[in-house]
Amino acid sequence: MSERIPESELIINADGSAFHLHILPEDLADNVILVGDPGRVEMVASFLDEWSITVNKESREFRTITGRYNGVPVSIISTGIGTDNIDIVMTELDALANIDFDTRLPKEEHRSLNILRIGTCGAIRPEIPLGGYIVSEMSCGFDGLLNWYTGIEEVGQKDIEAEFIKYMNWPERLAKPYFVKASKRIVDAFRDSAYCGITMSAPGFYGPQGRSVRTGIAIPDLIRKLEGFEFEGHHFTNIEMESSALAGLAGILGHEACTICLAIANRYAKESNPDYKPLMEGLIEHALGIITNL
């Protein structure tokens, strides 16, 4: 018999909602769209069926709107930036789906969520244009977060990890990188409309992504080295800050999850497009159509 989860390990608010997200179990749809920016939740929600919104809640950087897209329930949730926030969001989403908040016991029947993160990124290959869609078929986490979970042994891709550490001559003082695969079902649904490859998830925007402003960095030739790495046909396509934790925790917890990003910069070509809102709207509509038809 499963043990009751202590109050210190899973904090539930007085109103019965998850501690950080501030949503109730009944507020969560099976299809979840994650975005970083709380302001982008409203942008995604603008595509939902008129008058279908039943949940609109906000706490810190976590905002949730639940409604319907072509009649299919969808929850749109902002995570803020970084894998540390993904750790919070994924743990609480799984708890909302698979823990009875009254008894604090795991539910007998596992509920699997379809989770798609829609974000922006920097491409690192010359063939990927600004405005291109990139699906994180596999992610490499520079953040070290998944190394805190025993499930990394089941979902981690050890062969490519070992080859990458050797190829990069990985500095010992940095967190050990890990590789995880996204949901094959979701990746395959986007394969004809997006570039697929390895996404590097960085624990910061500047030094960890190879940017040097007024300080030296541990791997100054990071972009060149990432662009040159290949393992059994897999190569790096882009850099962002969340996909590794999302794919890894989803794999451990039994959910289908993937990240799709709009390329708003190309680090290889040293180009960027900060006025990407119309392109993002196109990606959102495309992604909603796919995730609600899986």
Protein backbone atom coordinates (compact mmCIF):
# COMPACT_ATOMS: atom_id res chain seq x y z
CA MET A 1 0.00 0.00 0.00
CA SER A 2 1.27 3.48 -0.90
CA GLU A 3 2.33 5.76 1.92
CA ARG A 4 0.61 9.05 2.64
CA ILE A 5 2.65 11.99 1.31
CA PRO A 6 3.60 14.30 4.21
CA GLU A 7 2.47 17.93 4.23
CA SER A 8 6.10 19.05 4.15
CA GLU A 9 6.73 17.21 0.86
CA LEU A 10 3.59 18.23 -1.02
CA ILE A 11 2.27 21.57 0.17
CA ILE A 12 -1.43 22.10 -0.52
CA ASN A 13 -3.00 25.52 -0.01
CA ALA A 14 -5.96 26.03 2.30
CA ASP A 15 -8.31 26.18 -0.70
CA GLY A 16 -7.12 22.76 -1.90
CA SER A 17 -4.89 24.06 -4.68
CA ALA A 18 -1.28 23.21 -5.56
CA PHE A 19 1.16 25.39 -3.62
CA HIS A 20 2.83 27.34 -6.46
CA LEU A 21 0.38 26.97 -9.35
CA HIS A 22 -2.65 27.77 -7.17
CA ILE A 23 -4.93 25.57 -9.30
CA LEU A 24 -7.25 22.77 -8.23
CA PRO A 25 -7.14 19.22 -9.63
CA GLU A 26 -10.38 19.87 -11.51
CA ASP A 27 -8.82 22.97 -13.14
CA LEU A 28 -6.33 20.87 -15.15
CA ALA A 29 -7.06 19.53 -18.66
CA ASP A 30 -5.34 16.47 -20.13
CA ASN A 31 -3.76 18.66 -22.83
CA VAL A 32 -1.35 21.26 -21.43
CA ILE A 33 0.45 24.07 -23.23
CA LEU A 34 3.42 25.51 -21.32
CA VAL A 35 4.89 28.94 -22.08
CA GLY A 36 7.58 30.86 -20.25
CA ASP A 37 6.15 34.36 -20.29
CA PRO A 38 2.94 34.90 -18.26
CA GLY A 39 1.91 37.44 -20.88
CA ARG A 40 1.98 34.76 -23.56
CA VAL A 41 -0.76 32.79 -21.78
CA GLU A 42 -3.27 35.39 -22.97
CA MET A 43 -1.90 35.14 -26.51
CA VAL A 44 -2.44 31.38 -26.57
CA ALA A 45 -5.85 31.73 -24.91
CA SER A 46 -6.98 34.11 -27.68
CA PHE A 47 -7.17 31.05 -29.96
CA LEU A 48 -9.51 29.13 -27.64
CA ASP A 49 -13.20 28.72 -28.42
CA GLU A 50 -15.17 31.82 -27.55
CA TRP A 51 -16.75 31.70 -24.05
CA SER A 52 -15.00 28.37 -23.29
CA ILE A 53 -12.66 29.62 -20.56
CA THR A 54 -13.48 28.11 -17.15
CA VAL A 55 -10.23 28.82 -15.26
CA ASN A 56 -8.16 32.01 -15.11
CA LYS A 57 -5.78 32.04 -12.14
CA GLU A 58 -2.42 33.62 -11.39
CA SER A 59 0.27 33.29 -8.70
CA ARG A 60 3.72 34.83 -9.10
CA GLU A 61 4.97 33.91 -12.58
CA PHE A 62 2.52 31.00 -12.83
CA ARG A 63 -0.64 31.87 -14.72
CA THR A 64 -3.22 29.29 -15.83
CA ILE A 65 -6.10 29.56 -18.27
CA THR A 66 -8.21 26.49 -19.07
CA GLY A 67 -10.68 26.41 -21.94
CA ARG A 68 -11.36 24.55 -25.17
CA TYR A 69 -9.80 24.55 -28.63
CA ASN A 70 -12.18 23.15 -31.25
CA GLY A 71 -14.08 21.62 -28.36
CA VAL A 72 -11.03 19.90 -26.80
CA PRO A 73 -10.07 20.94 -23.22
CA VAL A 74 -6.69 22.69 -22.95
CA SER A 75 -4.83 24.22 -20.00
CA ILE A 76 -2.31 26.98 -20.76
CA ILE A 77 0.26 27.55 -18.02
CA SER A 78 3.24 29.90 -17.73
CA THR A 79 6.37 28.58 -16.06
CA GLY A 80 8.73 31.52 -15.98
CA ILE A 81 12.32 30.96 -17.07
CA GLY A 82 14.58 28.01 -16.37
CA THR A 83 14.64 24.33 -15.49
CA ASP A 84 14.22 25.10 -11.78
CA ASN A 85 10.74 26.43 -12.54
CA ILE A 86 10.02 23.39 -14.73
CA ASP A 87 10.85 21.25 -11.69
CA ILE A 88 8.09 23.05 -9.77
CA VAL A 89 5.54 23.01 -12.57
CA MET A 90 6.02 19.38 -13.61
CA THR A 91 5.95 18.10 -10.03
CA GLU A 92 2.76 20.00 -9.23
CA LEU A 93 1.07 19.07 -12.53
CA ASP A 94 1.76 15.41 -11.84
CA ALA A 95 0.48 15.79 -8.27
CA LEU A 96 -2.71 17.44 -9.52
CA ALA A 97 -3.23 14.56 -11.93
CA ASN A 98 -2.12 11.60 -9.84
CA ILE A 99 -2.40 12.43 -6.12
CA ASP A 100 -5.66 12.50 -4.19
CA PHE A 101 -5.36 15.85 -2.42
CA ASP A 102 -7.80 14.76 0.31
CA THR A 103 -6.03 11.56 1.32
CA ARG A 104 -2.53 12.51 0.09
CA LEU A 105 -2.25 9.08 -1.50
CA PRO A 106 -1.36 8.27 -5.13
CA LYS A 107 -4.43 7.46 -7.21
CA GLU A 108 -4.85 3.85 -8.27
CA GLU A 109 -5.20 4.77 -11.95
CA HIS A 110 -2.37 6.79 -13.49
CA ARG A 111 -3.39 9.84 -15.53
CA SER A 112 -1.00 10.76 -18.34
CA LEU A 113 -0.92 14.35 -19.58
CA ASN A 114 -0.01 15.60 -23.07
CA ILE A 115 2.35 18.51 -22.42
CA LEU A 116 3.76 20.78 -25.11
CA ARG A 117 6.04 23.69 -24.31
CA ILE A 118 5.97 26.51 -26.86
CA GLY A 119 8.98 28.80 -26.63
CA THR A 120 11.66 30.76 -28.42
CA CYS A 121 15.24 29.75 -29.03
CA GLY A 122 18.47 30.43 -30.83
CA ALA A 123 19.27 28.11 -33.72
CA ILE A 124 22.87 26.95 -34.08
CA ARG A 125 22.81 25.42 -37.56
CA PRO A 126 23.18 27.42 -40.79
CA GLU A 127 20.24 25.72 -42.55
CA ILE A 128 17.66 26.79 -39.91
CA PRO A 129 16.15 30.17 -40.86
CA LEU A 130 14.81 32.81 -38.50
CA GLY A 131 11.16 31.95 -37.94
CA GLY A 132 11.75 28.22 -38.35
CA TYR A 133 10.09 25.73 -36.00
CA ILE A 134 12.42 23.45 -34.02
CA VAL A 135 11.24 20.37 -32.13
CA SER A 136 13.41 19.07 -29.29
CA GLU A 137 13.52 15.40 -30.24
CA MET A 138 16.26 15.00 -27.65
CA SER A 139 17.51 17.48 -25.05
CA CYS A 140 20.86 17.94 -23.37
CA GLY A 141 20.64 19.54 -19.95
CA PHE A 142 23.57 21.66 -18.81
CA ASP A 143 21.60 22.50 -15.66
CA GLY A 144 22.16 19.28 -13.70
CA LEU A 145 18.57 19.22 -12.43
CA LEU A 146 17.67 15.70 -13.53
CA ASN A 147 20.74 14.31 -11.78
CA TRP A 148 18.85 14.89 -8.53
CA TYR A 149 16.27 12.22 -9.51
CA THR A 150 16.91 8.48 -9.44
CA GLY A 151 14.73 8.12 -12.55
CA ILE A 152 17.55 9.54 -14.67
CA GLU A 153 18.91 6.00 -14.84
CA GLU A 154 15.83 4.90 -16.78
CA VAL A 155 15.31 7.92 -19.07
CA GLY A 156 18.89 9.13 -19.57
CA GLN A 157 20.70 8.38 -22.82
CA LYS A 158 24.03 7.19 -21.42
CA ASP A 159 25.83 6.41 -24.69
CA ILE A 160 25.48 9.89 -26.14
CA GLU A 161 26.14 11.46 -22.74
CA ALA A 162 29.50 9.71 -22.43
CA GLU A 163 30.48 10.59 -25.99
CA PHE A 164 29.51 14.24 -25.50
CA ILE A 165 31.45 14.62 -22.25
CA LYS A 166 34.53 13.20 -23.96
CA TYR A 167 34.08 15.34 -27.09
CA MET A 168 33.65 18.55 -25.09
CA ASN A 169 36.46 17.76 -22.64
CA TRP A 170 33.81 18.73 -20.11
CA PRO A 171 35.09 20.95 -17.24
CA GLU A 172 34.84 19.12 -13.91
CA ARG A 173 33.49 22.18 -12.07
CA LEU A 174 30.34 22.27 -14.23
CA ALA A 175 27.24 20.15 -13.61
CA LYS A 176 27.34 16.85 -15.49
CA PRO A 177 25.28 17.11 -18.70
CA TYR A 178 22.48 14.62 -19.33
CA PHE A 179 20.52 13.60 -22.44
CA VAL A 180 16.81 12.70 -22.53
CA LYS A 181 14.34 11.99 -25.33
CA ALA A 182 10.99 13.75 -25.74
CA SER A 183 7.68 11.98 -26.42
CA LYS A 184 8.03 10.16 -29.73
CA ARG A 185 4.29 10.49 -30.33
CA ILE A 186 4.41 14.28 -30.10
CA VAL A 187 7.69 14.61 -32.01
CA ASP A 188 6.34 12.50 -34.87
CA ALA A 189 3.23 14.68 -35.08
CA PHE A 190 5.44 17.73 -35.80
CA ARG A 191 8.13 16.02 -37.87
CA ASP A 192 6.83 17.20 -41.25
CA SER A 193 6.55 20.84 -40.19
CA ALA A 194 9.64 21.42 -38.04
CA TYR A 195 13.36 20.80 -37.76
CA CYS A 196 14.10 17.99 -35.30
CA GLY A 197 17.30 17.53 -33.33
CA ILE A 198 19.06 17.93 -30.01
CA THR A 199 18.24 21.01 -27.96
CA MET A 200 20.74 22.29 -25.43
CA SER A 201 19.05 23.54 -22.24
CA ALA A 202 21.22 26.12 -20.53
CA PRO A 203 21.05 27.17 -16.86
CA GLY A 204 21.45 30.82 -17.87
CA PHE A 205 21.19 33.19 -20.84
CA TYR A 206 24.71 34.58 -21.07
CA GLY A 207 27.75 32.51 -20.01
CA PRO A 208 25.96 29.12 -20.13
CA GLN A 209 24.92 29.89 -23.72
CA GLY A 210 28.40 30.97 -24.77
CA ARG A 211 27.78 34.72 -24.49
CA SER A 212 30.60 36.84 -23.09
CA VAL A 213 29.80 40.45 -22.16
CA ARG A 214 32.24 41.61 -19.45
CA THR A 215 33.44 38.27 -18.10
CA GLY A 216 35.30 35.27 -19.38
CA ILE A 217 33.35 32.01 -19.75
CA ALA A 218 34.18 28.35 -19.14
CA ILE A 219 33.61 27.20 -22.75
CA PRO A 220 34.30 30.20 -25.02
CA ASP A 221 33.91 28.22 -28.26
CA LEU A 222 30.63 26.60 -27.15
CA ILE A 223 28.56 27.32 -30.28
CA ARG A 224 31.21 26.00 -32.66
CA LYS A 225 31.67 22.84 -30.63
CA LEU A 226 27.94 22.17 -30.34
CA GLU A 227 27.46 22.71 -34.08
CA GLY A 228 30.20 20.16 -34.79
CA PHE A 229 28.94 17.38 -32.52
CA GLU A 230 27.14 14.37 -34.01
CA PHE A 231 26.19 11.00 -32.58
CA GLU A 232 24.51 8.28 -34.66
CA GLY A 233 22.86 10.88 -36.89
CA HIS A 234 21.81 13.17 -34.03
CA HIS A 235 23.11 16.74 -33.93
CA PHE A 236 22.41 19.94 -32.00
CA THR A 237 19.88 22.31 -33.54
CA ASN A 238 19.20 25.00 -30.94
CA ILE A 239 19.64 26.44 -27.46
CA GLU A 240 16.96 27.32 -24.90
CA MET A 241 16.48 26.93 -21.15
CA GLU A 242 13.73 24.41 -20.26
CA SER A 243 13.35 21.42 -22.59
CA SER A 244 15.68 18.98 -20.79
CA ALA A 245 13.86 19.13 -17.45
CA LEU A 246 10.47 18.94 -19.17
CA ALA A 247 11.31 15.84 -21.21
CA GLY A 248 13.18 14.17 -18.36
CA LEU A 249 10.59 14.68 -15.63
CA ALA A 250 7.78 13.74 -18.01
CA GLY A 251 9.58 10.48 -18.79
CA ILE A 252 10.11 9.70 -15.11
CA LEU A 253 6.53 10.58 -14.14
CA GLY A 254 4.81 8.90 -17.09
CA HIS A 255 3.62 11.83 -19.19
CA GLU A 256 3.96 12.68 -22.89
CA ALA A 257 5.94 15.91 -23.27
CA CYS A 258 7.91 17.83 -25.86
CA THR A 259 9.18 21.32 -26.64
CA ILE A 260 8.70 23.21 -29.89
CA CYS A 261 10.45 26.55 -30.34
CA LEU A 262 10.39 29.44 -32.77
CA ALA A 263 13.90 30.36 -33.89
CA ILE A 264 14.22 34.09 -33.18
CA ALA A 265 18.01 34.09 -33.48
CA ASN A 266 20.67 32.11 -35.31
CA ARG A 267 23.85 32.00 -33.25
CA TYR A 268 25.76 30.46 -36.16
CA ALA A 269 24.84 33.30 -38.54
CA LYS A 270 24.81 35.92 -35.72
CA GLU A 271 21.30 37.09 -36.72
CA SER A 272 18.19 37.81 -34.66
CA ASN A 273 14.58 38.93 -35.02
CA PRO A 274 13.16 40.56 -31.85
CA ASP A 275 9.85 41.43 -33.59
CA TYR A 276 8.57 37.88 -33.76
CA LYS A 277 5.02 38.17 -32.39
CA PRO A 278 3.22 37.40 -35.70
CA LEU A 279 5.43 34.36 -36.21
CA MET A 280 4.73 33.18 -32.67
CA GLU A 281 0.98 33.46 -33.27
CA GLY A 282 1.40 31.20 -36.29
CA LEU A 283 3.30 28.62 -34.23
CA ILE A 284 0.69 28.71 -31.45
CA GLU A 285 -2.19 28.03 -33.83
CA HIS A 286 -0.26 25.24 -35.52
CA ALA A 287 0.71 23.66 -32.19
CA LEU A 288 -2.81 23.82 -30.75
CA GLY A 289 -4.15 22.04 -33.81
CA ILE A 290 -1.69 19.20 -33.38
CA ILE A 291 -1.71 18.71 -29.59
CA THR A 292 -5.53 18.56 -29.50
CA ASN A 293 -5.63 15.88 -32.20
CA LEU A 294 -3.16 13.38 -30.78
